Amino acid sequence: MVRKPWPIIILTLLFICIPIGNIVTSYIVSPYDISFGDFLYSLFAFKSNRIAVFELIIPSLIAAFATFAVKRWSYMVLALFVLYVFVSGSYDLYTHFGNLSFVQVLFIFLIPTLFSLAVTLYFLIPTVKTTYFDPKVRWWEAKPRYKVNLKTNYTQEHSVNEATITNISQGGAFLESNSEIKMDKNLNLVFTCSKFNFNLDAKVVFQRGEENQYGIQFIENQKKELKKLKKAIHLVKVSGAELCRPTPLWNEDLKKWLKSVLTTGKGITPSIPQKYQAKDETK
């Protein structure tokens, strides 16, 4: 699995760090003249503070999980989190109105509200929304794809042709064909991989430029064949086959991402793979 986009990872880490900020904020606005150590002890030691501890820690951790999961339901969870932050801050501001200093108002209401607004605006960006709602663009969820050189015969609309499988995974493959293949159509592939013979149905989902190079997706209702394919790909892996997209070292990848953000401004939002951009622009 390739690493998730850095914007999602960093936003997740921000949510994880929020409980620390909440606890520090609670200490700053606390009316009691005690040390921070005594405040922490009383906060976690007394049973009467359990609800307060839950409110300080759990909501943001749930938001972190939703952000990192990158699913449709993540939006509902994040919307509830933003609503909770605003309502909670407004309630605290209302109940203590007139007794709060500007610093206390800043930490209780203004900073949380501005952060929630920023989160809301970020998740309304079209590319971010597409990443969460369309599983096809989550390229990091794709099964590992290995470079191979397999000859295959494929049949599409009663026409039999030859092609070469240049890479393969449990979910699909990439073909270099001797002739044109029709997009979004089904085809049947016959080939041998790791001494296993396959007869698989697939759908053409991608074409590279104007060349006869195509990405195909195996149709999932072929349980026996796909189970056999999993074994074959494992043998391909242990044989030392090269990954098409090896996961880079995290520190090198982070430096590359930061450089892109600082020099070009790109990378603040997850990037949609080029093969899906044309479809999104037509919506």
C-alpha atoms as a PDB file:
ATOM      1  CA  MET A   1       0.000   0.000   0.000  1.00  0.00           C
ATOM      2  CA  VAL A   2       1.333   3.443  -0.954  1.00  0.00           C
ATOM      3  CA  ARG A   3       1.335   6.128   1.721  1.00  0.00           C
ATOM      4  CA  LYS A   4      -1.748   8.331   2.041  1.00  0.00           C
ATOM      5  CA  PRO A   5      -1.459  11.983   0.919  1.00  0.00           C
ATOM      6  CA  TRP A   6       0.432  14.164   3.368  1.00  0.00           C
ATOM      7  CA  PRO A   7      -2.424  16.706   3.750  1.00  0.00           C
ATOM      8  CA  ILE A   8      -4.601  13.917   5.191  1.00  0.00           C
ATOM      9  CA  ILE A   9      -1.809  12.661   7.458  1.00  0.00           C
ATOM     10  CA  ILE A  10      -1.004  16.157   8.766  1.00  0.00           C
ATOM     11  CA  LEU A  11      -4.657  17.036   9.350  1.00  0.00           C
ATOM     12  CA  THR A  12      -5.062  13.751  11.239  1.00  0.00           C
ATOM     13  CA  LEU A  13      -2.071  14.636  13.438  1.00  0.00           C
ATOM     14  CA  LEU A  14      -3.598  18.068  14.128  1.00  0.00           C
ATOM     15  CA  PHE A  15      -6.791  16.427  15.357  1.00  0.00           C
ATOM     16  CA  ILE A  16      -4.735  14.060  17.529  1.00  0.00           C
ATOM     17  CA  CYS A  17      -2.944  17.038  19.087  1.00  0.00           C
ATOM     18  CA  ILE A  18      -6.180  18.905  19.877  1.00  0.00           C
ATOM     19  CA  PRO A  19      -6.685  17.134  23.256  1.00  0.00           C
ATOM     20  CA  ILE A  20      -3.359  18.587  24.424  1.00  0.00           C
ATOM     21  CA  GLY A  21      -4.523  22.051  23.404  1.00  0.00           C
ATOM     22  CA  ASN A  22      -7.883  21.484  25.072  1.00  0.00           C
ATOM     23  CA  ILE A  23      -6.259  20.506  28.382  1.00  0.00           C
ATOM     24  CA  VAL A  24      -3.873  23.485  28.269  1.00  0.00           C
ATOM     25  CA  THR A  25      -6.794  25.783  27.430  1.00  0.00           C
ATOM     26  CA  SER A  26      -8.823  24.373  30.326  1.00  0.00           C
ATOM     27  CA  TYR A  27      -5.922  25.188  32.646  1.00  0.00           C
ATOM     28  CA  ILE A  28      -5.607  28.735  31.279  1.00  0.00           C
ATOM     29  CA  VAL A  29      -9.303  29.522  31.775  1.00  0.00           C
ATOM     30  CA  SER A  30      -9.522  27.685  35.097  1.00  0.00           C
ATOM     31  CA  PRO A  31     -10.521  29.983  38.005  1.00  0.00           C
ATOM     32  CA  TYR A  32      -8.350  27.980  40.407  1.00  0.00           C
ATOM     33  CA  ASP A  33      -4.868  29.217  41.337  1.00  0.00           C
ATOM     34  CA  ILE A  34      -3.012  25.879  41.160  1.00  0.00           C
ATOM     35  CA  SER A  35      -0.010  24.498  39.315  1.00  0.00           C
ATOM     36  CA  PHE A  36      -0.437  22.747  35.987  1.00  0.00           C
ATOM     37  CA  GLY A  37       0.655  19.465  37.573  1.00  0.00           C
ATOM     38  CA  ASP A  38      -2.008  19.723  40.275  1.00  0.00           C
ATOM     39  CA  PHE A  39      -4.563  20.646  37.610  1.00  0.00           C
ATOM     40  CA  LEU A  40      -3.739  17.509  35.591  1.00  0.00           C
ATOM     41  CA  TYR A  41      -3.951  15.331  38.683  1.00  0.00           C
ATOM     42  CA  SER A  42      -7.342  16.696  39.695  1.00  0.00           C
ATOM     43  CA  LEU A  43      -8.625  16.466  36.141  1.00  0.00           C
ATOM     44  CA  PHE A  44      -7.873  12.757  35.768  1.00  0.00           C
ATOM     45  CA  ALA A  45      -8.111  11.593  39.374  1.00  0.00           C
ATOM     46  CA  PHE A  46     -11.586  12.802  40.313  1.00  0.00           C
ATOM     47  CA  LYS A  47     -14.574  10.807  39.032  1.00  0.00           C
ATOM     48  CA  SER A  48     -16.613  14.017  38.782  1.00  0.00           C
ATOM     49  CA  ASN A  49     -14.340  15.133  35.920  1.00  0.00           C
ATOM     50  CA  ARG A  50     -14.876  12.077  33.709  1.00  0.00           C
ATOM     51  CA  ILE A  51     -17.382  13.807  31.440  1.00  0.00           C
ATOM     52  CA  ALA A  52     -15.054  16.800  31.122  1.00  0.00           C
ATOM     53  CA  VAL A  53     -12.118  14.535  30.248  1.00  0.00           C
ATOM     54  CA  PHE A  54     -14.260  12.760  27.642  1.00  0.00           C
ATOM     55  CA  GLU A  55     -15.241  16.096  26.057  1.00  0.00           C
ATOM     56  CA  LEU A  56     -11.638  17.313  26.023  1.00  0.00           C
ATOM     57  CA  ILE A  57     -10.181  14.198  24.394  1.00  0.00           C
ATOM     58  CA  ILE A  58     -12.609  11.876  22.613  1.00  0.00           C
ATOM     59  CA  PRO A  59     -14.387  14.102  20.005  1.00  0.00           C
ATOM     60  CA  SER A  60     -11.134  15.190  18.354  1.00  0.00           C
ATOM     61  CA  LEU A  61      -9.787  11.629  18.335  1.00  0.00           C
ATOM     62  CA  ILE A  62     -12.992  10.508  16.588  1.00  0.00           C
ATOM     63  CA  ALA A  63     -12.474  13.334  14.072  1.00  0.00           C
ATOM     64  CA  ALA A  64      -8.867  12.164  13.573  1.00  0.00           C
ATOM     65  CA  PHE A  65     -10.061   8.617  12.858  1.00  0.00           C
ATOM     66  CA  ALA A  66     -12.678   9.885  10.397  1.00  0.00           C
ATOM     67  CA  THR A  67     -10.127  12.056   8.607  1.00  0.00           C
ATOM     68  CA  PHE A  68      -7.593   9.253   8.277  1.00  0.00           C
ATOM     69  CA  ALA A  69     -10.213   6.691   7.177  1.00  0.00           C
ATOM     70  CA  VAL A  70     -11.031   8.695   3.997  1.00  0.00           C
ATOM     71  CA  LYS A  71     -14.581   7.385   3.558  1.00  0.00           C
ATOM     72  CA  ARG A  72     -17.954   8.893   2.664  1.00  0.00           C
ATOM     73  CA  TRP A  73     -19.078   8.689   6.295  1.00  0.00           C
ATOM     74  CA  SER A  74     -16.036  10.760   7.304  1.00  0.00           C
ATOM     75  CA  TYR A  75     -17.879  13.889   6.165  1.00  0.00           C
ATOM     76  CA  MET A  76     -20.831  13.252   8.473  1.00  0.00           C
ATOM     77  CA  VAL A  77     -18.527  12.640  11.447  1.00  0.00           C
ATOM     78  CA  LEU A  78     -16.507  15.785  10.715  1.00  0.00           C
ATOM     79  CA  ALA A  79     -19.678  17.850  10.298  1.00  0.00           C
ATOM     80  CA  LEU A  80     -20.857  16.666  13.725  1.00  0.00           C
ATOM     81  CA  PHE A  81     -17.433  17.502  15.173  1.00  0.00           C
ATOM     82  CA  VAL A  82     -17.518  21.049  13.777  1.00  0.00           C
ATOM     83  CA  LEU A  83     -21.064  21.515  15.087  1.00  0.00           C
ATOM     84  CA  TYR A  84     -20.043  20.184  18.491  1.00  0.00           C
ATOM     85  CA  VAL A  85     -17.076  22.569  18.736  1.00  0.00           C
ATOM     86  CA  PHE A  86     -19.210  25.582  17.823  1.00  0.00           C
ATOM     87  CA  VAL A  87     -22.106  24.687  20.142  1.00  0.00           C
ATOM     88  CA  SER A  88     -19.789  23.802  23.041  1.00  0.00           C
ATOM     89  CA  GLY A  89     -17.791  27.010  22.669  1.00  0.00           C
ATOM     90  CA  SER A  90     -20.933  29.111  22.349  1.00  0.00           C
ATOM     91  CA  TYR A  91     -22.420  27.521  25.472  1.00  0.00           C
ATOM     92  CA  ASP A  92     -19.268  28.158  27.512  1.00  0.00           C
ATOM     93  CA  LEU A  93     -19.155  31.750  26.239  1.00  0.00           C
ATOM     94  CA  TYR A  94     -22.810  32.298  27.141  1.00  0.00           C
ATOM     95  CA  THR A  95     -22.666  30.743  30.608  1.00  0.00           C
ATOM     96  CA  HIS A  96     -19.525  32.657  31.615  1.00  0.00           C
ATOM     97  CA  PHE A  97     -20.237  35.874  29.700  1.00  0.00           C
ATOM     98  CA  GLY A  98     -19.018  38.913  31.590  1.00  0.00           C
ATOM     99  CA  ASN A  99     -16.590  36.920  33.710  1.00  0.00           C
ATOM    100  CA  LEU A 100     -14.100  36.078  30.993  1.00  0.00           C
ATOM    101  CA  SER A 101     -10.999  37.980  29.949  1.00  0.00           C
ATOM    102  CA  PHE A 102     -10.105  38.452  26.295  1.00  0.00           C
ATOM    103  CA  VAL A 103      -7.507  35.668  26.555  1.00  0.00           C
ATOM    104  CA  GLN A 104     -10.124  33.301  27.917  1.00  0.00           C
ATOM    105  CA  VAL A 105     -12.603  34.213  25.137  1.00  0.00           C
ATOM    106  CA  LEU A 106      -9.794  33.706  22.637  1.00  0.00           C
ATOM    107  CA  PHE A 107      -9.071  30.165  23.803  1.00  0.00           C
ATOM    108  CA  ILE A 108     -12.632  29.118  24.630  1.00  0.00           C
ATOM    109  CA  PHE A 109     -14.397  30.405  21.532  1.00  0.00           C
ATOM    110  CA  LEU A 110     -12.414  32.282  18.895  1.00  0.00           C
ATOM    111  CA  ILE A 111      -9.567  29.824  18.201  1.00  0.00           C
ATOM    112  CA  PRO A 112     -11.799  26.673  18.195  1.00  0.00           C
ATOM    113  CA  THR A 113     -14.374  28.429  15.989  1.00  0.00           C
ATOM    114  CA  LEU A 114     -11.767  29.636  13.494  1.00  0.00           C
ATOM    115  CA  PHE A 115     -10.218  26.163  13.384  1.00  0.00           C
ATOM    116  CA  SER A 116     -13.634  24.591  12.765  1.00  0.00           C
ATOM    117  CA  LEU A 117     -14.317  27.122  10.010  1.00  0.00           C
ATOM    118  CA  ALA A 118     -10.967  26.325   8.379  1.00  0.00           C
ATOM    119  CA  VAL A 119     -11.719  22.570   8.550  1.00  0.00           C
ATOM    120  CA  THR A 120     -15.153  23.163   7.004  1.00  0.00           C
ATOM    121  CA  LEU A 121     -13.762  25.246   4.137  1.00  0.00           C
ATOM    122  CA  TYR A 122     -10.975  22.718   3.507  1.00  0.00           C
ATOM    123  CA  PHE A 123     -13.358  19.786   3.206  1.00  0.00           C
ATOM    124  CA  LEU A 124     -15.560  21.777   0.815  1.00  0.00           C
ATOM    125  CA  ILE A 125     -12.698  21.997  -1.705  1.00  0.00           C
ATOM    126  CA  PRO A 126     -13.764  19.859  -4.726  1.00  0.00           C
ATOM    127  CA  THR A 127     -10.579  17.759  -4.891  1.00  0.00           C
ATOM    128  CA  VAL A 128     -10.796  16.956  -1.167  1.00  0.00           C
ATOM    129  CA  LYS A 129     -14.472  16.026  -1.461  1.00  0.00           C
ATOM    130  CA  THR A 130     -13.784  13.831  -4.503  1.00  0.00           C
ATOM    131  CA  THR A 131     -11.037  11.995  -2.614  1.00  0.00           C
ATOM    132  CA  TYR A 132     -13.430  11.090   0.191  1.00  0.00           C
ATOM    133  CA  PHE A 133     -16.477  10.289  -1.939  1.00  0.00           C
ATOM    134  CA  ASP A 134     -14.936   8.461  -4.920  1.00  0.00           C
ATOM    135  CA  PRO A 135     -12.969   5.306  -3.972  1.00  0.00           C
ATOM    136  CA  LYS A 136     -11.518   5.089  -7.498  1.00  0.00           C
ATOM    137  CA  VAL A 137      -9.226   8.078  -6.898  1.00  0.00           C
ATOM    138  CA  ARG A 138      -7.744   6.690  -3.676  1.00  0.00           C
ATOM    139  CA  TRP A 139      -4.655   5.383  -5.423  1.00  0.00           C
ATOM    140  CA  TRP A 140      -2.977   4.439  -2.124  1.00  0.00           C
ATOM    141  CA  GLU A 141      -5.650   1.761  -1.537  1.00  0.00           C
ATOM    142  CA  ALA A 142      -4.734  -0.129  -4.701  1.00  0.00           C
ATOM    143  CA  LYS A 143      -3.207  -3.573  -4.314  1.00  0.00           C
ATOM    144  CA  PRO A 144       0.577  -3.750  -4.914  1.00  0.00           C
ATOM    145  CA  ARG A 145       1.300  -3.868  -8.626  1.00  0.00           C
ATOM    146  CA  TYR A 146       4.331  -5.816  -9.876  1.00  0.00           C
ATOM    147  CA  LYS A 147       6.213  -5.486 -13.136  1.00  0.00           C
ATOM    148  CA  VAL A 148       5.914  -8.594 -15.315  1.00  0.00           C
ATOM    149  CA  ASN A 149       6.168  -9.593 -18.959  1.00  0.00           C
ATOM    150  CA  LEU A 150       3.312 -11.986 -19.706  1.00  0.00           C
ATOM    151  CA  LYS A 151       1.953 -12.808 -23.128  1.00  0.00           C
ATOM    152  CA  THR A 152      -1.822 -12.981 -23.299  1.00  0.00           C
ATOM    153  CA  ASN A 153      -4.636 -13.500 -25.774  1.00  0.00           C
ATOM    154  CA  TYR A 154      -7.733 -11.439 -25.154  1.00  0.00           C
ATOM    155  CA  THR A 155     -11.182 -11.605 -26.639  1.00  0.00           C
ATOM    156  CA  GLN A 156     -13.379  -8.554 -27.009  1.00  0.00           C
ATOM    157  CA  GLU A 157     -16.637  -8.679 -28.971  1.00  0.00           C
ATOM    158  CA  HIS A 158     -15.669 -11.993 -30.632  1.00  0.00           C
ATOM    159  CA  SER A 159     -12.319 -10.594 -31.811  1.00  0.00           C
ATOM    160  CA  VAL A 160      -9.169 -12.392 -30.560  1.00  0.00           C
ATOM    161  CA  ASN A 161      -5.955 -10.352 -30.270  1.00  0.00           C
ATOM    162  CA  GLU A 162      -2.549 -10.540 -28.657  1.00  0.00           C
ATOM    163  CA  ALA A 163      -1.159  -8.308 -25.905  1.00  0.00           C
ATOM    164  CA  THR A 164       1.522  -8.149 -23.238  1.00  0.00           C
ATOM    165  CA  ILE A 165       0.760  -7.736 -19.540  1.00  0.00           C
ATOM    166  CA  THR A 166       3.462  -5.368 -18.259  1.00  0.00           C
ATOM    167  CA  ASN A 167       2.254  -5.182 -14.661  1.00  0.00           C
ATOM    168  CA  ILE A 168      -0.321  -7.016 -12.579  1.00  0.00           C
ATOM    169  CA  SER A 169      -2.055  -6.914  -9.196  1.00  0.00           C
ATOM    170  CA  GLN A 170      -4.913  -8.733  -7.510  1.00  0.00           C
ATOM    171  CA  GLY A 171      -7.331  -6.135  -8.835  1.00  0.00           C
ATOM    172  CA  GLY A 172      -6.175  -5.589 -12.384  1.00  0.00           C
ATOM    173  CA  ALA A 173      -3.364  -5.328 -14.900  1.00  0.00           C
ATOM    174  CA  PHE A 174      -1.818  -3.081 -17.535  1.00  0.00           C
ATOM    175  CA  LEU A 175      -1.794  -4.209 -21.157  1.00  0.00           C
ATOM    176  CA  GLU A 176       0.227  -3.242 -24.197  1.00  0.00           C
ATOM    177  CA  SER A 177      -1.917  -4.394 -27.097  1.00  0.00           C
ATOM    178  CA  ASN A 178      -1.175  -4.962 -30.760  1.00  0.00           C
ATOM    179  CA  SER A 179      -4.476  -3.288 -31.623  1.00  0.00           C
ATOM    180  CA  GLU A 180      -7.016  -0.861 -30.202  1.00  0.00           C
ATOM    181  CA  ILE A 181      -9.214  -1.959 -27.297  1.00  0.00           C
ATOM    182  CA  LYS A 182     -12.586  -0.316 -26.745  1.00  0.00           C
ATOM    183  CA  MET A 183     -12.871   1.636 -23.501  1.00  0.00           C
ATOM    184  CA  ASP A 184     -15.382   0.678 -20.790  1.00  0.00           C
ATOM    185  CA  LYS A 185     -15.979  -2.668 -22.505  1.00  0.00           C
ATOM    186  CA  ASN A 186     -15.477  -6.142 -21.081  1.00  0.00           C
ATOM    187  CA  LEU A 187     -12.853  -8.524 -22.386  1.00  0.00           C
ATOM    188  CA  ASN A 188     -11.614 -12.024 -21.630  1.00  0.00           C
ATOM    189  CA  LEU A 189      -7.929 -12.687 -20.895  1.00  0.00           C
ATOM    190  CA  VAL A 190      -6.093 -16.001 -21.216  1.00  0.00           C
ATOM    191  CA  PHE A 191      -2.537 -16.069 -19.827  1.00  0.00           C
ATOM    192  CA  THR A 192      -0.087 -17.923 -17.594  1.00  0.00           C
ATOM    193  CA  CYS A 193       1.463 -16.446 -14.453  1.00  0.00           C
ATOM    194  CA  SER A 194       3.753 -18.309 -12.032  1.00  0.00           C
ATOM    195  CA  LYS A 195       2.800 -21.607 -13.741  1.00  0.00           C
ATOM    196  CA  PHE A 196      -0.912 -20.918 -13.094  1.00  0.00           C
ATOM    197  CA  ASN A 197      -3.214 -20.767 -16.116  1.00  0.00           C
ATOM    198  CA  PHE A 198      -5.870 -18.049 -16.062  1.00  0.00           C
ATOM    199  CA  ASN A 199      -9.069 -17.306 -17.914  1.00  0.00           C
ATOM    200  CA  LEU A 200     -10.241 -13.989 -16.500  1.00  0.00           C
ATOM    201  CA  ASP A 201     -12.943 -11.482 -17.396  1.00  0.00           C
ATOM    202  CA  ALA A 202     -12.034  -7.832 -17.032  1.00  0.00           C
ATOM    203  CA  LYS A 203     -13.171  -4.312 -17.839  1.00  0.00           C
ATOM    204  CA  VAL A 204     -11.102  -1.668 -19.606  1.00  0.00           C
ATOM    205  CA  VAL A 205     -10.945   1.384 -17.323  1.00  0.00           C
ATOM    206  CA  PHE A 206      -8.026   3.455 -18.565  1.00  0.00           C
ATOM    207  CA  GLN A 207      -6.053   4.242 -21.722  1.00  0.00           C
ATOM    208  CA  ARG A 208      -2.624   5.887 -21.682  1.00  0.00           C
ATOM    209  CA  GLY A 209      -2.690   8.741 -24.163  1.00  0.00           C
ATOM    210  CA  GLU A 210      -3.269   7.707 -27.759  1.00  0.00           C
ATOM    211  CA  GLU A 211      -1.214   4.535 -27.431  1.00  0.00           C
ATOM    212  CA  ASN A 212      -2.606   1.010 -27.291  1.00  0.00           C
ATOM    213  CA  GLN A 213      -1.809   0.751 -23.583  1.00  0.00           C
ATOM    214  CA  TYR A 214      -4.682   0.038 -21.242  1.00  0.00           C
ATOM    215  CA  GLY A 215      -5.467  -0.424 -17.581  1.00  0.00           C
ATOM    216  CA  ILE A 216      -7.949  -3.176 -16.891  1.00  0.00           C
ATOM    217  CA  GLN A 217      -9.892  -4.148 -13.789  1.00  0.00           C
ATOM    218  CA  PHE A 218     -10.700  -7.784 -13.056  1.00  0.00           C
ATOM    219  CA  ILE A 219     -14.397  -8.492 -12.536  1.00  0.00           C
ATOM    220  CA  GLU A 220     -14.953  -9.579  -8.944  1.00  0.00           C
ATOM    221  CA  ASN A 221     -17.439 -12.425  -9.485  1.00  0.00           C
ATOM    222  CA  GLN A 222     -14.656 -14.873 -10.411  1.00  0.00           C
ATOM    223  CA  LYS A 223     -13.812 -16.035  -6.902  1.00  0.00           C
ATOM    224  CA  LYS A 224     -11.887 -19.198  -7.815  1.00  0.00           C
ATOM    225  CA  GLU A 225      -9.785 -17.498 -10.476  1.00  0.00           C
ATOM    226  CA  LEU A 226      -9.038 -14.478  -8.298  1.00  0.00           C
ATOM    227  CA  LYS A 227      -8.073 -16.693  -5.364  1.00  0.00           C
ATOM    228  CA  LYS A 228      -5.664 -18.500  -7.657  1.00  0.00           C
ATOM    229  CA  LEU A 229      -4.384 -15.145  -8.917  1.00  0.00           C
ATOM    230  CA  LYS A 230      -3.587 -14.107  -5.332  1.00  0.00           C
ATOM    231  CA  LYS A 231      -1.332 -17.156  -4.984  1.00  0.00           C
ATOM    232  CA  ALA A 232       0.334 -16.435  -8.322  1.00  0.00           C
ATOM    233  CA  ILE A 233       1.044 -12.809  -7.420  1.00  0.00           C
ATOM    234  CA  HIS A 234       2.530 -13.923  -4.095  1.00  0.00           C
ATOM    235  CA  LEU A 235       4.965 -16.077  -6.072  1.00  0.00           C
ATOM    236  CA  VAL A 236       5.716 -13.083  -8.303  1.00  0.00           C
ATOM    237  CA  LYS A 237       6.454 -11.045  -5.167  1.00  0.00           C
ATOM    238  CA  VAL A 238       8.782 -13.600  -3.552  1.00  0.00           C
ATOM    239  CA  SER A 239      10.612 -14.022  -6.849  1.00  0.00           C
ATOM    240  CA  GLY A 240      11.832 -10.437  -6.428  1.00  0.00           C
ATOM    241  CA  ALA A 241       9.651  -8.734  -9.018  1.00  0.00           C
ATOM    242  CA  GLU A 242       9.893  -4.939  -8.968  1.00  0.00           C
ATOM    243  CA  LEU A 243       7.016  -2.881  -7.604  1.00  0.00           C
ATOM    244  CA  CYS A 244       5.549  -0.341  -9.998  1.00  0.00           C
ATOM    245  CA  ARG A 245       5.135   2.199  -7.204  1.00  0.00           C
ATOM    246  CA  PRO A 246       7.437   1.404  -4.283  1.00  0.00           C
ATOM    247  CA  THR A 247       6.660   3.337  -1.108  1.00  0.00           C
ATOM    248  CA  PRO A 248       9.354   5.999  -0.604  1.00  0.00           C
ATOM    249  CA  LEU A 249      10.960   6.639   2.776  1.00  0.00           C
ATOM    250  CA  TRP A 250       8.616   8.839   4.800  1.00  0.00           C
ATOM    251  CA  ASN A 251      11.206  11.564   5.453  1.00  0.00           C
ATOM    252  CA  GLU A 252      12.169  11.839   1.771  1.00  0.00           C
ATOM    253  CA  ASP A 253       8.516  11.837   0.758  1.00  0.00           C
ATOM    254  CA  LEU A 254       7.705  14.556   3.311  1.00  0.00           C
ATOM    255  CA  LYS A 255      10.590  16.734   2.087  1.00  0.00           C
ATOM    256  CA  LYS A 256       9.411  16.333  -1.492  1.00  0.00           C
ATOM    257  CA  TRP A 257       5.858  17.284  -0.520  1.00  0.00           C
ATOM    258  CA  LEU A 258       6.987  20.341   1.488  1.00  0.00           C
ATOM    259  CA  LYS A 259       9.169  21.494  -1.403  1.00  0.00           C
ATOM    260  CA  SER A 260       6.225  21.196  -3.784  1.00  0.00           C
ATOM    261  CA  VAL A 261       3.956  23.172  -1.454  1.00  0.00           C
ATOM    262  CA  LEU A 262       6.529  25.931  -0.853  1.00  0.00           C
ATOM    263  CA  THR A 263       7.713  26.306  -4.463  1.00  0.00           C
ATOM    264  CA  THR A 264       4.569  25.634  -6.489  1.00  0.00           C
ATOM    265  CA  GLY A 265       1.702  25.847  -4.015  1.00  0.00           C
ATOM    266  CA  LYS A 266       0.579  22.388  -5.089  1.00  0.00           C
ATOM    267  CA  GLY A 267      -0.013  19.587  -2.619  1.00  0.00           C
ATOM    268  CA  ILE A 268      -2.138  21.396  -0.040  1.00  0.00           C
ATOM    269  CA  THR A 269      -5.036  19.188  -1.121  1.00  0.00           C
ATOM    270  CA  PRO A 270      -4.856  15.508  -2.176  1.00  0.00           C
ATOM    271  CA  SER A 271      -3.995  15.136  -5.846  1.00  0.00           C
ATOM    272  CA  ILE A 272      -6.502  13.337  -8.072  1.00  0.00           C
ATOM    273  CA  PRO A 273      -4.774  10.931 -10.514  1.00  0.00           C
ATOM    274  CA  GLN A 274      -4.584  12.403 -14.005  1.00  0.00           C
ATOM    275  CA  LYS A 275      -6.639   9.608 -15.546  1.00  0.00           C
ATOM    276  CA  TYR A 276      -9.664  10.692 -13.480  1.00  0.00           C
ATOM    277  CA  GLN A 277      -9.283  14.463 -13.864  1.00  0.00           C
ATOM    278  CA  ALA A 278     -10.942  14.663 -17.254  1.00  0.00           C
ATOM    279  CA  LYS A 279     -14.022  12.871 -15.921  1.00  0.00           C
ATOM    280  CA  ASP A 280     -14.240  15.208 -12.924  1.00  0.00           C
ATOM    281  CA  GLU A 281     -13.988  18.327 -15.092  1.00  0.00           C
ATOM    282  CA  THR A 282     -17.019  17.265 -17.101  1.00  0.00           C
ATOM    283  CA  LYS A 283     -19.248  16.935 -14.038  1.00  0.00           C
END
